Amino acid sequence: NRQRENSRVQQWLSGWLGLGILWFLVAIVLFSSHKPYRQGLVFLYWLPVAIMLISRWPLVRKVWQRGKPIIITLGALIAWAAISLVWSPDDDVARQLRRLLFVVLFLYGFAFFGLLRPESVNGLLRLACHFLALSCLVALFLQYSAGHFEHRAGGLGLLEHPILGGYSIAIAVLLLVFLPHPTHKWIWIASMTVMAALIVMTQSRGLWVGLLSALLVLAVLRGERRARIVTCCLLMVAAVGVLQFWEVITVRGMSFRPEILSASFELIQQRPWLGLGIGANYDFQLASTDILISHSHNLFAHIAIELGLVGLLLWLAVWICVFRVAWNSRDLALGRALLAILIFCTIGQLFDGGDLWGSPRADWFFTWLPVGLGLSLVADR
């Protein structure tokens, strides 16, 4: 009787957590303010994960045993970020520690769901992707029905930024590519078409390069005749797109990226090993413009600035561990999807990297979401 009751409680908690994961993926397009989005996460996501961490130690031990390499590297990274508060100029220590806690809860949530509901992971991700596709349709309609043809497209709500919104939608595209529907193919085709249209209209070149590279690499790795045909088609479409929209591609130049990267290296050299500390703000004054740049636009450079080379090496260790999980799980649809997402996110982090430790937002789609999916796969296997 006790075992049956325990099983029922765990299934109830995992169902609650599934709603939280769906909220994280979909509710981001429902609000233009972070506050209601985070409040929903507190109740639907953080709370069930906290209950499991406190009261379900057998689950915690299973996750630890199956995902030890990732968890050890993650623990080291988060511990180093917490230690950096000693020399960080940010006085709000409680806020930074709270953000670190949110990351821990987020990652354990995916691990618990993969452990308790492995058969539901793919279906939940597909459902979220279709909701995001619907939001893309609404966003494109609202923009172009208002006659804003000259503006770069973005998503709804907190995905309205052309770059961050585009990257988040591209991850949904990669999930749908590798998690196709066994039935209702027309829904899959419609969702893919709408999301691809929004990605093109974001005019984000780093996004295009990353998405095309991920699809090409996965097509080559599969090595089938059909994969080679798809690869050739993608290359031809890309070539036609470059020729047709050359002015759009080149009009913004390099967007100061080389100068920003050079300034980032100079800042890293000031405190190469320890960094400025988590939560530190910094600005770049470039010689070629009067605009003050407040971010390195490269996640790896940003981590090195904030946490030093020690923090950068720890983040790379986490990323490599997740790559290893994806490669070892490439026989599964989600494993192949994760491998494509990691390739895409790695390229994206070079051009438009965000912040690791901000509160839950669009940046998490191409930083912590791949790590969470990796832990879900580890817990399942």
Protein backbone atom coordinates (compact mmCIF):
# COMPACT_ATOMS: atom_id res chain seq x y z
CA ASN A 1 0.00 0.00 0.00
CA ARG A 2 2.82 2.39 0.85
CA GLN A 3 4.52 1.69 -2.47
CA ARG A 4 1.32 2.30 -4.42
CA GLU A 5 0.71 5.54 -2.53
CA ASN A 6 4.29 6.63 -3.16
CA SER A 7 3.92 5.86 -6.86
CA ARG A 8 0.69 7.87 -7.08
CA VAL A 9 2.30 10.85 -5.39
CA GLN A 10 5.27 10.73 -7.75
CA GLN A 11 3.01 10.53 -10.81
CA TRP A 12 0.99 13.47 -9.50
CA LEU A 13 4.14 15.51 -8.91
CA SER A 14 5.51 14.63 -12.35
CA GLY A 15 2.22 15.72 -13.97
CA TRP A 16 2.42 19.01 -12.08
CA LEU A 17 6.02 19.39 -13.25
CA GLY A 18 4.98 18.67 -16.86
CA LEU A 19 2.65 21.67 -16.68
CA GLY A 20 5.59 23.72 -15.41
CA ILE A 21 7.80 22.67 -18.33
CA LEU A 22 5.00 23.54 -20.75
CA TRP A 23 4.62 26.91 -19.03
CA PHE A 24 8.35 27.60 -19.41
CA LEU A 25 8.27 26.80 -23.13
CA VAL A 26 4.95 28.38 -24.12
CA ALA A 27 3.90 31.06 -21.61
CA ILE A 28 6.88 33.17 -22.68
CA VAL A 29 4.81 34.30 -25.70
CA LEU A 30 1.77 35.19 -23.57
CA PHE A 31 3.25 38.07 -21.58
CA SER A 32 5.21 41.19 -22.44
CA SER A 33 6.39 41.46 -18.81
CA HIS A 34 8.67 39.00 -17.03
CA LYS A 35 6.78 39.21 -13.72
CA PRO A 36 3.68 37.04 -14.50
CA TYR A 37 5.86 34.59 -16.45
CA ARG A 38 8.16 34.11 -13.44
CA GLN A 39 5.25 33.90 -11.01
CA GLY A 40 3.82 31.05 -13.05
CA LEU A 41 7.19 29.32 -13.00
CA VAL A 42 7.36 29.59 -9.22
CA PHE A 43 4.08 27.74 -8.74
CA LEU A 44 4.13 25.33 -11.70
CA TYR A 45 7.85 24.55 -11.89
CA TRP A 46 10.03 25.52 -8.90
CA LEU A 47 7.52 24.32 -6.28
CA PRO A 48 7.12 20.68 -7.47
CA VAL A 49 10.89 20.40 -8.05
CA ALA A 50 11.58 21.73 -4.54
CA ILE A 51 9.10 19.20 -3.08
CA MET A 52 10.85 16.36 -4.91
CA LEU A 53 14.30 17.52 -3.79
CA ILE A 54 13.17 17.66 -0.17
CA SER A 55 10.98 14.58 0.07
CA ARG A 56 12.01 12.19 -2.73
CA TRP A 57 15.65 11.32 -2.03
CA PRO A 58 15.52 8.03 -3.99
CA LEU A 59 14.78 10.11 -7.11
CA VAL A 60 17.66 12.46 -6.33
CA ARG A 61 20.02 9.50 -5.92
CA LYS A 62 18.91 8.00 -9.24
CA VAL A 63 19.50 11.29 -11.05
CA TRP A 64 22.92 11.56 -9.39
CA GLN A 65 23.93 8.02 -10.34
CA ARG A 66 22.86 8.39 -13.96
CA GLY A 67 24.02 11.95 -14.61
CA LYS A 68 27.11 12.16 -12.41
CA PRO A 69 29.51 13.77 -14.99
CA ILE A 70 27.08 16.55 -15.92
CA ILE A 71 25.99 17.15 -12.32
CA ILE A 72 29.59 17.36 -11.06
CA THR A 73 30.61 19.90 -13.72
CA LEU A 74 27.40 21.87 -13.18
CA GLY A 75 27.98 21.86 -9.44
CA ALA A 76 31.51 23.15 -9.91
CA LEU A 77 30.33 25.92 -12.26
CA ILE A 78 27.53 27.06 -9.95
CA ALA A 79 29.82 26.89 -6.91
CA TRP A 80 32.43 29.01 -8.71
CA ALA A 81 29.75 31.55 -9.68
CA ALA A 82 28.66 31.75 -6.03
CA ILE A 83 32.28 32.18 -4.86
CA SER A 84 32.77 35.02 -7.35
CA LEU A 85 30.25 37.05 -5.34
CA VAL A 86 33.14 37.68 -2.93
CA TRP A 87 34.79 40.03 -5.45
CA SER A 88 31.75 40.97 -7.52
CA PRO A 89 30.73 44.67 -7.47
CA ASP A 90 27.07 43.63 -7.28
CA ASP A 91 25.85 44.30 -3.73
CA ASP A 92 22.61 42.33 -4.09
CA VAL A 93 24.03 38.95 -3.08
CA ALA A 94 20.59 37.49 -2.30
CA ARG A 95 19.34 38.17 -5.82
CA GLN A 96 22.35 36.48 -7.43
CA LEU A 97 22.09 33.44 -5.14
CA ARG A 98 18.39 33.22 -5.94
CA ARG A 99 19.21 33.15 -9.65
CA LEU A 100 21.70 30.33 -9.11
CA LEU A 101 18.99 28.43 -7.23
CA PHE A 102 16.59 28.93 -10.13
CA VAL A 103 19.11 27.31 -12.48
CA VAL A 104 19.47 24.31 -10.16
CA LEU A 105 15.69 23.87 -9.87
CA PHE A 106 15.26 24.24 -13.62
CA LEU A 107 17.80 21.54 -14.45
CA TYR A 108 16.58 19.11 -11.81
CA GLY A 109 13.05 19.61 -13.16
CA PHE A 110 13.99 18.20 -16.56
CA ALA A 111 15.93 15.38 -14.91
CA PHE A 112 12.97 14.40 -12.71
CA PHE A 113 10.53 14.54 -15.62
CA GLY A 114 12.82 12.39 -17.78
CA LEU A 115 13.06 9.90 -14.93
CA LEU A 116 9.35 9.71 -14.07
CA ARG A 117 7.66 10.36 -17.42
CA PRO A 118 10.17 9.36 -20.16
CA GLU A 119 7.33 8.35 -22.48
CA SER A 120 5.83 11.87 -22.25
CA VAL A 121 8.94 13.98 -22.96
CA ASN A 122 8.71 13.92 -26.76
CA GLY A 123 4.97 14.53 -26.81
CA LEU A 124 5.27 17.46 -24.40
CA LEU A 125 8.02 19.06 -26.50
CA ARG A 126 6.02 18.59 -29.71
CA LEU A 127 2.95 20.18 -28.12
CA ALA A 128 4.99 23.19 -26.98
CA CYS A 129 6.50 23.59 -30.46
CA HIS A 130 3.05 23.66 -32.08
CA PHE A 131 1.90 26.34 -29.63
CA LEU A 132 5.02 28.37 -30.49
CA ALA A 133 4.25 27.91 -34.19
CA LEU A 134 0.76 29.30 -33.61
CA SER A 135 2.30 32.30 -31.85
CA CYS A 136 4.54 32.86 -34.90
CA LEU A 137 1.49 32.94 -37.15
CA VAL A 138 -0.17 35.54 -34.92
CA ALA A 139 3.04 37.60 -34.71
CA LEU A 140 3.50 37.66 -38.49
CA PHE A 141 -0.16 38.58 -39.02
CA LEU A 142 -0.05 41.43 -36.49
CA GLN A 143 3.14 42.88 -37.94
CA TYR A 144 2.33 42.71 -41.63
CA SER A 145 -1.37 43.52 -41.33
CA ALA A 146 -0.22 46.78 -39.73
CA GLY A 147 1.98 47.46 -42.77
CA HIS A 148 5.34 47.14 -40.98
CA PHE A 149 7.04 45.41 -43.90
CA GLU A 150 10.33 47.22 -43.38
CA HIS A 151 10.79 46.02 -39.77
CA ARG A 152 12.53 42.84 -38.71
CA ALA A 153 10.06 40.22 -37.53
CA GLY A 154 9.94 38.93 -33.98
CA GLY A 155 7.73 36.66 -31.91
CA LEU A 156 5.01 37.46 -29.41
CA GLY A 157 5.38 38.49 -25.79
CA LEU A 158 8.88 38.05 -24.42
CA LEU A 159 10.05 36.67 -27.79
CA GLU A 160 9.38 39.93 -29.62
CA HIS A 161 13.12 40.62 -30.04
CA PRO A 162 14.16 39.53 -33.56
CA ILE A 163 17.36 37.84 -32.37
CA LEU A 164 16.29 36.20 -29.10
CA GLY A 165 12.84 35.34 -30.41
CA GLY A 166 14.33 33.95 -33.62
CA TYR A 167 16.77 31.71 -31.76
CA SER A 168 14.03 30.35 -29.52
CA ILE A 169 11.79 29.55 -32.48
CA ALA A 170 14.72 27.95 -34.33
CA ILE A 171 15.18 25.53 -31.42
CA ALA A 172 11.49 24.63 -31.73
CA VAL A 173 12.08 23.99 -35.45
CA LEU A 174 14.96 21.62 -34.69
CA LEU A 175 12.84 19.75 -32.16
CA LEU A 176 10.04 19.30 -34.69
CA VAL A 177 12.50 18.21 -37.40
CA PHE A 178 13.62 15.27 -35.28
CA LEU A 179 10.37 14.64 -33.38
CA PRO A 180 7.89 14.30 -36.27
CA HIS A 181 4.29 13.28 -35.72
CA PRO A 182 3.40 9.69 -36.51
CA THR A 183 0.01 11.02 -37.64
CA HIS A 184 -1.40 14.41 -38.73
CA LYS A 185 1.56 15.25 -40.96
CA TRP A 186 -0.18 18.36 -42.20
CA ILE A 187 -0.02 19.92 -38.71
CA TRP A 188 3.72 19.24 -38.62
CA ILE A 189 4.20 20.77 -42.10
CA ALA A 190 2.09 23.84 -41.24
CA SER A 191 4.00 24.48 -38.01
CA MET A 192 7.37 24.09 -39.72
CA THR A 193 6.34 26.46 -42.53
CA VAL A 194 5.13 29.22 -40.21
CA MET A 195 8.20 29.05 -37.95
CA ALA A 196 10.56 28.97 -40.93
CA ALA A 197 8.85 32.08 -42.32
CA LEU A 198 9.37 33.98 -39.06
CA ILE A 199 13.02 32.87 -38.88
CA VAL A 200 13.66 34.20 -42.39
CA MET A 201 11.94 37.50 -41.62
CA THR A 202 13.99 38.11 -38.46
CA GLN A 203 16.90 38.94 -40.84
CA SER A 204 19.27 37.52 -38.20
CA ARG A 205 22.34 36.27 -40.06
CA GLY A 206 23.90 34.44 -37.12
CA LEU A 207 20.61 32.61 -36.65
CA TRP A 208 20.53 31.56 -40.32
CA VAL A 209 24.14 30.34 -40.25
CA GLY A 210 23.60 28.37 -37.04
CA LEU A 211 20.37 26.71 -38.16
CA LEU A 212 21.71 25.79 -41.59
CA SER A 213 24.95 24.44 -40.07
CA ALA A 214 23.07 22.26 -37.57
CA LEU A 215 20.85 20.76 -40.25
CA LEU A 216 23.77 20.15 -42.60
CA VAL A 217 25.94 18.49 -39.96
CA LEU A 218 23.14 16.16 -38.86
CA ALA A 219 22.32 15.31 -42.48
CA VAL A 220 25.95 14.40 -43.15
CA LEU A 221 26.23 12.35 -39.94
CA ARG A 222 23.24 10.22 -40.90
CA GLY A 223 25.02 9.32 -44.15
CA GLU A 224 21.92 8.09 -45.97
CA ARG A 225 21.08 8.83 -49.58
CA ARG A 226 18.02 10.79 -48.47
CA ALA A 227 20.20 12.80 -46.08
CA ARG A 228 22.62 13.68 -48.88
CA ILE A 229 19.69 14.84 -51.04
CA VAL A 230 18.40 17.02 -48.19
CA THR A 231 21.89 18.46 -47.72
CA CYS A 232 22.15 19.40 -51.40
CA CYS A 233 18.68 20.99 -51.32
CA LEU A 234 19.58 23.05 -48.24
CA LEU A 235 22.76 24.29 -49.87
CA MET A 236 20.88 25.29 -53.03
CA VAL A 237 18.19 27.10 -51.04
CA ALA A 238 20.87 28.91 -49.03
CA ALA A 239 22.74 29.91 -52.19
CA VAL A 240 19.57 31.27 -53.80
CA GLY A 241 18.72 33.14 -50.60
CA VAL A 242 22.17 34.74 -50.40
CA LEU A 243 21.99 35.89 -54.03
CA GLN A 244 18.41 37.12 -53.75
CA PHE A 245 18.82 38.98 -50.45
CA TRP A 246 22.47 40.01 -50.65
CA GLU A 247 21.69 43.67 -49.86
CA VAL A 248 19.66 42.70 -46.79
CA ILE A 249 22.47 40.44 -45.59
CA THR A 250 25.24 43.01 -46.03
CA VAL A 251 23.44 46.27 -45.20
CA ARG A 252 24.27 46.05 -41.47
CA GLY A 253 27.89 45.10 -42.10
CA MET A 254 29.51 43.16 -39.26
CA SER A 255 27.41 44.96 -36.60
CA PHE A 256 30.63 45.92 -34.75
CA ARG A 257 31.19 42.26 -33.78
CA PRO A 258 34.98 42.20 -34.45
CA GLU A 259 35.51 45.42 -32.46
CA ILE A 260 33.33 44.18 -29.60
CA LEU A 261 35.26 40.90 -29.48
CA SER A 262 38.59 42.76 -29.42
CA ALA A 263 37.36 44.98 -26.58
CA SER A 264 36.15 41.85 -24.74
CA PHE A 265 39.63 40.32 -24.93
CA GLU A 266 41.13 43.50 -23.48
CA LEU A 267 38.67 43.35 -20.58
CA ILE A 268 39.40 39.66 -19.98
CA GLN A 269 43.11 40.42 -19.73
CA GLN A 270 42.48 42.75 -16.78
CA ARG A 271 41.29 39.83 -14.60
CA PRO A 272 41.97 36.70 -16.65
CA TRP A 273 41.44 33.97 -14.03
CA LEU A 274 38.85 35.30 -11.59
CA GLY A 275 36.84 37.65 -13.80
CA LEU A 276 34.80 40.59 -12.59
CA GLY A 277 32.38 38.40 -10.63
CA ILE A 278 28.81 37.30 -11.25
CA GLY A 279 26.42 40.20 -11.80
CA ALA A 280 29.15 42.65 -12.80
CA ASN A 281 28.19 45.24 -15.39
CA TYR A 282 30.59 46.47 -18.05
CA ASP A 283 30.51 48.75 -21.10
CA PHE A 284 32.50 49.10 -24.30
CA GLN A 285 33.17 52.42 -25.97
CA LEU A 286 34.13 51.57 -29.54
CA ALA A 287 36.31 53.89 -31.60
CA SER A 288 34.10 53.62 -34.71
CA THR A 289 30.85 54.66 -33.02
CA ASP A 290 29.48 56.77 -30.19
CA ILE A 291 27.15 53.96 -29.13
CA LEU A 292 27.96 52.48 -25.72
CA ILE A 293 27.96 48.65 -25.96
CA SER A 294 26.89 46.95 -22.74
CA HIS A 295 27.43 43.31 -23.71
CA SER A 296 30.08 41.21 -25.45
CA HIS A 297 27.50 39.55 -27.79
CA ASN A 298 29.53 36.35 -27.37
CA LEU A 299 28.56 34.04 -24.53
CA PHE A 300 32.03 32.54 -24.15
CA ALA A 301 33.63 35.98 -23.93
CA HIS A 302 30.94 37.13 -21.49
CA ILE A 303 31.56 34.14 -19.20
CA ALA A 304 35.31 34.82 -19.29
CA ILE A 305 34.69 38.48 -18.40
CA GLU A 306 32.33 37.61 -15.56
CA LEU A 307 33.85 34.38 -14.18
CA GLY A 308 37.34 34.39 -15.67
CA LEU A 309 39.00 31.57 -17.56
CA VAL A 310 38.15 29.20 -14.69
CA GLY A 311 34.44 29.83 -15.24
CA LEU A 312 34.83 29.52 -19.01
CA LEU A 313 36.57 26.14 -18.69
CA LEU A 314 33.81 24.91 -16.37
CA TRP A 315 31.08 26.01 -18.80
CA LEU A 316 32.91 24.28 -21.67
CA ALA A 317 33.12 21.13 -19.52
CA VAL A 318 29.34 21.25 -18.98
CA TRP A 319 28.74 21.78 -22.71
CA ILE A 320 31.06 18.89 -23.65
CA CYS A 321 29.30 16.57 -21.19
CA VAL A 322 25.94 17.40 -22.76
CA PHE A 323 27.42 16.86 -26.24
CA ARG A 324 28.59 13.43 -25.09
CA VAL A 325 25.11 12.54 -23.82
CA ALA A 326 23.54 13.66 -27.11
CA TRP A 327 26.06 11.66 -29.14
CA ASN A 328 25.56 8.52 -27.04
CA SER A 329 21.77 8.94 -27.43
CA ARG A 330 21.79 9.58 -31.18
CA ASP A 331 19.80 6.37 -31.69
CA LEU A 332 16.87 8.21 -30.08
CA ALA A 333 14.88 10.98 -31.77
CA LEU A 334 15.43 13.33 -28.82
CA GLY A 335 19.16 12.52 -28.82
CA ARG A 336 19.45 13.55 -32.48
CA ALA A 337 17.38 16.66 -31.80
CA LEU A 338 19.63 17.60 -28.89
CA LEU A 339 22.75 17.09 -30.99
CA ALA A 340 21.36 19.49 -33.62
CA ILE A 341 20.35 21.99 -30.95
CA LEU A 342 23.83 21.92 -29.39
CA ILE A 343 25.49 22.60 -32.74
CA PHE A 344 23.05 25.43 -33.41
CA CYS A 345 23.40 26.94 -29.93
CA THR A 346 27.21 26.77 -30.01
CA ILE A 347 27.26 28.84 -33.19
CA GLY A 348 24.58 31.15 -31.84
CA GLN A 349 26.54 31.74 -28.63
CA LEU A 350 29.47 32.95 -30.73
CA PHE A 351 27.41 35.70 -32.39
CA ASP A 352 24.54 36.58 -30.05
CA GLY A 353 25.31 35.03 -26.67
CA GLY A 354 23.31 36.22 -23.70
CA ASP A 355 23.78 35.86 -19.98
CA LEU A 356 23.93 32.57 -18.07
CA TRP A 357 22.61 33.85 -14.77
CA GLY A 358 19.74 36.12 -15.68
CA SER A 359 16.26 35.21 -14.50
CA PRO A 360 14.27 32.84 -16.78
CA ARG A 361 13.85 34.42 -20.20
CA ALA A 362 14.44 33.77 -23.91
CA ASP A 363 18.21 33.42 -23.36
CA TRP A 364 17.56 30.19 -21.44
CA PHE A 365 16.30 28.52 -24.62
CA PHE A 366 19.84 28.35 -26.00
CA THR A 367 21.81 28.09 -22.75
CA TRP A 368 20.07 26.04 -20.04
CA LEU A 369 17.37 24.31 -22.08
CA PRO A 370 19.90 22.09 -23.95
CA VAL A 371 21.49 21.16 -20.61
CA GLY A 372 18.06 20.32 -19.21
CA LEU A 373 17.28 18.13 -22.22
CA GLY A 374 20.62 16.38 -21.71
CA LEU A 375 19.77 15.62 -18.08
CA SER A 376 16.34 14.36 -19.17
CA LEU A 377 18.01 11.91 -21.58
CA VAL A 378 20.50 10.79 -18.92
CA ALA A 379 17.77 10.19 -16.35
CA ASP A 380 15.73 8.20 -18.88
CA ARG A 381 18.62 5.95 -19.92
